[in-house]
Protein backbone atom coordinates (compact mmCIF):
# COMPACT_ATOMS: atom_id res chain seq x y z
CA MET A 1 -0.01 0.02 -0.02
CA PRO A 2 1.69 3.29 -1.06
CA ASP A 3 1.92 6.05 1.47
CA GLU A 4 -0.68 8.15 -0.31
CA THR A 5 -3.21 5.36 0.04
CA LEU A 6 -2.42 4.96 3.74
CA ALA A 7 -2.84 8.70 4.12
CA SER A 8 -6.37 8.45 2.73
CA VAL A 9 -7.59 6.10 5.46
CA GLU A 10 -10.32 7.79 7.54
CA PHE A 11 -11.15 6.99 11.14
CA HIS A 12 -14.58 7.11 12.74
CA GLU A 13 -15.98 6.21 16.16
CA VAL A 14 -18.24 3.16 16.15
CA ASP A 15 -21.73 4.32 16.96
CA GLN A 16 -25.18 3.02 16.19
CA HIS A 17 -24.90 4.30 12.59
CA ARG A 18 -21.54 2.60 12.07
CA TRP A 19 -22.51 -0.73 13.72
CA PRO A 20 -23.20 -2.45 10.41
CA ASP A 21 -19.63 -1.58 9.29
CA PHE A 22 -18.21 -2.85 12.54
CA GLU A 23 -20.21 -6.06 12.13
CA ARG A 24 -19.06 -6.49 8.51
CA LEU A 25 -15.43 -6.07 9.46
CA PHE A 26 -15.54 -8.49 12.34
CA GLU A 27 -17.41 -11.04 10.23
CA SER A 28 -15.05 -10.69 7.27
CA ARG A 29 -12.56 -13.42 6.46
CA GLY A 30 -10.00 -13.59 9.24
CA GLY A 31 -12.07 -11.15 11.34
CA PRO A 32 -12.26 -11.44 15.17
CA LYS A 33 -15.80 -12.73 15.21
CA TYR A 34 -14.87 -15.28 17.94
CA CYS A 35 -14.35 -12.55 20.56
CA TRP A 36 -16.13 -9.40 19.37
CA CYS A 37 -13.49 -7.50 21.36
CA MET A 38 -15.19 -8.54 24.63
CA LEU A 39 -12.25 -10.21 26.38
CA PHE A 40 -11.47 -7.27 28.67
CA ARG A 41 -14.98 -5.69 28.59
CA ALA A 42 -16.99 -8.67 29.78
CA ARG A 43 -18.59 -8.64 33.14
CA ALA A 44 -18.47 -11.86 35.22
CA ALA A 45 -21.93 -12.92 34.05
CA GLU A 46 -20.91 -12.30 30.46
CA LEU A 47 -17.81 -14.45 30.82
CA ARG A 48 -19.90 -17.39 31.95
CA THR A 49 -22.04 -17.12 28.83
CA ALA A 50 -20.37 -18.97 26.01
CA GLY A 51 -20.73 -18.36 22.32
CA HIS A 52 -19.83 -15.87 19.65
CA SER A 53 -23.40 -14.67 19.23
CA TYR A 54 -23.66 -13.60 22.87
CA ARG A 55 -20.44 -11.65 22.67
CA LYS A 56 -21.64 -9.88 19.54
CA GLU A 57 -24.95 -9.13 21.29
CA ALA A 58 -23.13 -7.75 24.35
CA MET A 59 -20.99 -5.51 22.15
CA HIS A 60 -24.02 -4.35 20.20
CA HIS A 61 -25.80 -3.53 23.44
CA ARG A 62 -22.92 -1.29 24.49
CA VAL A 63 -23.07 0.56 21.14
CA GLN A 64 -26.85 1.00 21.49
CA GLU A 65 -26.26 2.45 24.97
CA ASN A 66 -23.73 4.95 23.54
CA VAL A 67 -20.77 3.39 25.39
CA PRO A 68 -17.56 4.18 23.54
CA ILE A 69 -15.97 1.04 22.15
CA GLY A 70 -13.47 2.20 19.54
CA LEU A 71 -12.59 3.38 16.04
CA LEU A 72 -12.94 1.92 12.55
CA GLY A 73 -10.44 2.74 9.78
CA TYR A 74 -11.99 3.17 6.36
CA LEU A 75 -10.42 3.01 2.95
CA ASN A 76 -12.61 4.07 0.03
CA GLY A 77 -15.62 3.79 2.28
CA GLU A 78 -14.98 0.23 3.35
CA PRO A 79 -14.00 -0.71 6.91
CA VAL A 80 -10.47 -2.23 6.92
CA ALA A 81 -9.12 -1.72 10.49
CA TRP A 82 -10.28 -1.47 14.06
CA CYS A 83 -8.93 -0.43 17.44
CA SER A 84 -10.65 -0.79 20.78
CA MET A 85 -10.48 2.64 22.47
CA ALA A 86 -12.57 3.68 25.36
CA PRO A 87 -12.45 5.05 28.88
CA ARG A 88 -10.57 2.59 31.01
CA GLU A 89 -13.52 2.08 33.37
CA THR A 90 -15.57 0.63 30.52
CA TYR A 91 -13.17 -2.34 30.55
CA GLN A 92 -14.01 -4.67 33.49
CA ARG A 93 -10.74 -6.72 33.39
CA LEU A 94 -7.99 -4.36 32.36
CA ARG A 95 -5.33 -3.73 34.93
CA GLY A 96 -3.41 -0.53 34.12
CA GLN A 97 -1.38 1.91 36.07
CA GLN A 98 -3.26 3.34 39.01
CA ASP A 99 -2.28 6.98 39.58
CA ALA A 100 -3.79 9.27 42.19
CA ALA A 101 -4.33 11.96 39.56
CA ASP A 102 -6.50 9.67 37.43
CA THR A 103 -10.19 10.67 37.53
CA PRO A 104 -13.16 8.89 35.90
CA GLY A 105 -12.88 9.40 32.14
CA SER A 106 -9.40 10.82 32.25
CA VAL A 107 -7.62 7.62 31.23
CA TRP A 108 -8.60 6.02 27.99
CA SER A 109 -7.37 2.47 27.11
CA LEU A 110 -6.16 1.40 23.73
CA ALA A 111 -6.64 -2.35 24.17
CA CYS A 112 -6.94 -4.14 20.85
CA PHE A 113 -6.28 -3.99 17.07
CA PHE A 114 -7.54 -5.76 14.00
CA VAL A 115 -6.27 -4.97 10.54
CA GLN A 116 -7.35 -6.84 7.46
CA ARG A 117 -4.50 -9.05 6.35
CA ARG A 118 -3.92 -7.16 3.06
CA PHE A 119 -3.16 -4.03 5.02
CA ARG A 120 -0.81 -5.49 7.64
CA GLY A 121 2.82 -4.47 7.78
CA LYS A 122 2.18 -1.24 5.98
CA GLY A 123 1.88 1.22 8.86
CA MET A 124 -1.80 0.90 9.63
CA THR A 125 -1.20 0.22 13.33
CA ARG A 126 0.76 3.47 13.53
CA ARG A 127 -2.16 5.35 12.01
CA LEU A 128 -4.60 3.65 14.41
CA ILE A 129 -2.55 4.64 17.40
CA GLN A 130 -2.48 8.24 16.28
CA ALA A 131 -6.16 8.29 15.43
CA ALA A 132 -6.97 6.75 18.89
CA VAL A 133 -4.82 9.25 20.72
CA ASP A 134 -6.41 12.16 18.85
CA HIS A 135 -9.92 10.70 19.57
CA ALA A 136 -9.30 10.27 23.25
CA LYS A 137 -7.89 13.77 23.60
CA ALA A 138 -10.93 15.14 21.81
CA LYS A 139 -13.13 13.30 24.31
CA GLY A 140 -11.35 14.73 27.31
CA ALA A 141 -8.73 12.18 28.11
CA SER A 142 -5.57 13.35 29.79
CA VAL A 143 -3.82 9.94 29.47
CA VAL A 144 -3.94 7.12 26.93
CA GLU A 145 -2.88 3.80 28.23
CA ALA A 146 -1.97 0.67 26.24
CA TYR A 147 -0.95 -2.88 27.00
CA PRO A 148 1.33 -4.14 24.19
CA VAL A 149 3.61 -7.13 24.20
CA ASP A 150 7.10 -7.91 22.93
CA PRO A 151 7.41 -9.01 19.25
CA ASP A 152 8.11 -12.60 20.20
CA SER A 153 5.18 -12.97 22.61
CA PRO A 154 3.13 -16.07 22.04
CA SER A 155 -0.12 -14.42 23.03
CA TYR A 156 -1.83 -10.98 23.30
CA ARG A 157 -0.33 -9.81 19.99
CA PHE A 158 -3.73 -8.25 19.19
CA MET A 159 -2.89 -5.64 21.79
CA GLY A 160 -0.06 -4.30 19.73
CA ILE A 161 3.82 -4.43 19.92
CA VAL A 162 5.87 -2.35 22.38
CA ARG A 163 7.98 -0.67 19.66
CA SER A 164 4.89 0.65 17.92
CA PHE A 165 3.90 2.53 21.09
CA GLU A 166 7.44 3.65 21.87
CA ALA A 167 7.53 5.23 18.38
CA ALA A 168 4.35 7.06 19.24
CA GLY A 169 5.89 8.51 22.46
CA PHE A 170 4.34 6.15 25.02
CA LEU A 171 6.40 5.34 28.10
CA GLU A 172 6.39 2.08 29.99
CA VAL A 173 5.00 2.47 33.52
CA GLY A 174 4.54 -1.08 34.60
CA ARG A 175 3.43 -4.58 33.71
CA ALA A 176 0.04 -6.40 33.55
CA GLY A 177 0.81 -10.04 34.01
CA THR A 178 3.92 -11.62 32.58
CA ARG A 179 3.58 -10.58 28.91
CA ARG A 180 1.72 -7.22 28.73
CA HIS A 181 3.62 -3.98 29.26
CA VAL A 182 1.63 -1.01 30.58
CA MET A 183 2.48 2.12 28.57
CA ARG A 184 1.14 5.61 28.95
CA LEU A 185 1.03 8.83 26.94
CA GLN A 186 0.04 12.14 28.39
CA VAL A 187 -2.17 13.95 25.95
């Protein structure tokens, strides 16, 4: 993908109007229809409920309730990329850096990515990170927190790679488990 094509990608918040695009991207070949980006959002009762359709329904309910869930990247009007971006308190199971200065809504978490295979390795993650930071700042965030892994990590790669966040100015402030780094950017 030439740089000029990458530059033409547009980012939009998933809302009720954009739900069909989100659904189409997640159900596309290779899409994350198995999780519907509910891994860290799910409440205890939702975790006990098995099945892809329930996770999809739970995510759809959040969108209908105007709960922020993230951004879609569009190329020529088609959704081709996603990042989970929302206030940290909307995630039930994310453990980030607790700071006394954090107030509700001040820390937004960038927790997950999906990029269609044909656009991987071309800088789309870098564009998603920047779009997410800009979006969080516009929504009143003072901090963006992310949970990437090392390049050789056997799991959680959907959360991004440390070097991508370092390149965007994020600083490591701790760890979440054995694989995930906690990185923050003041915005």
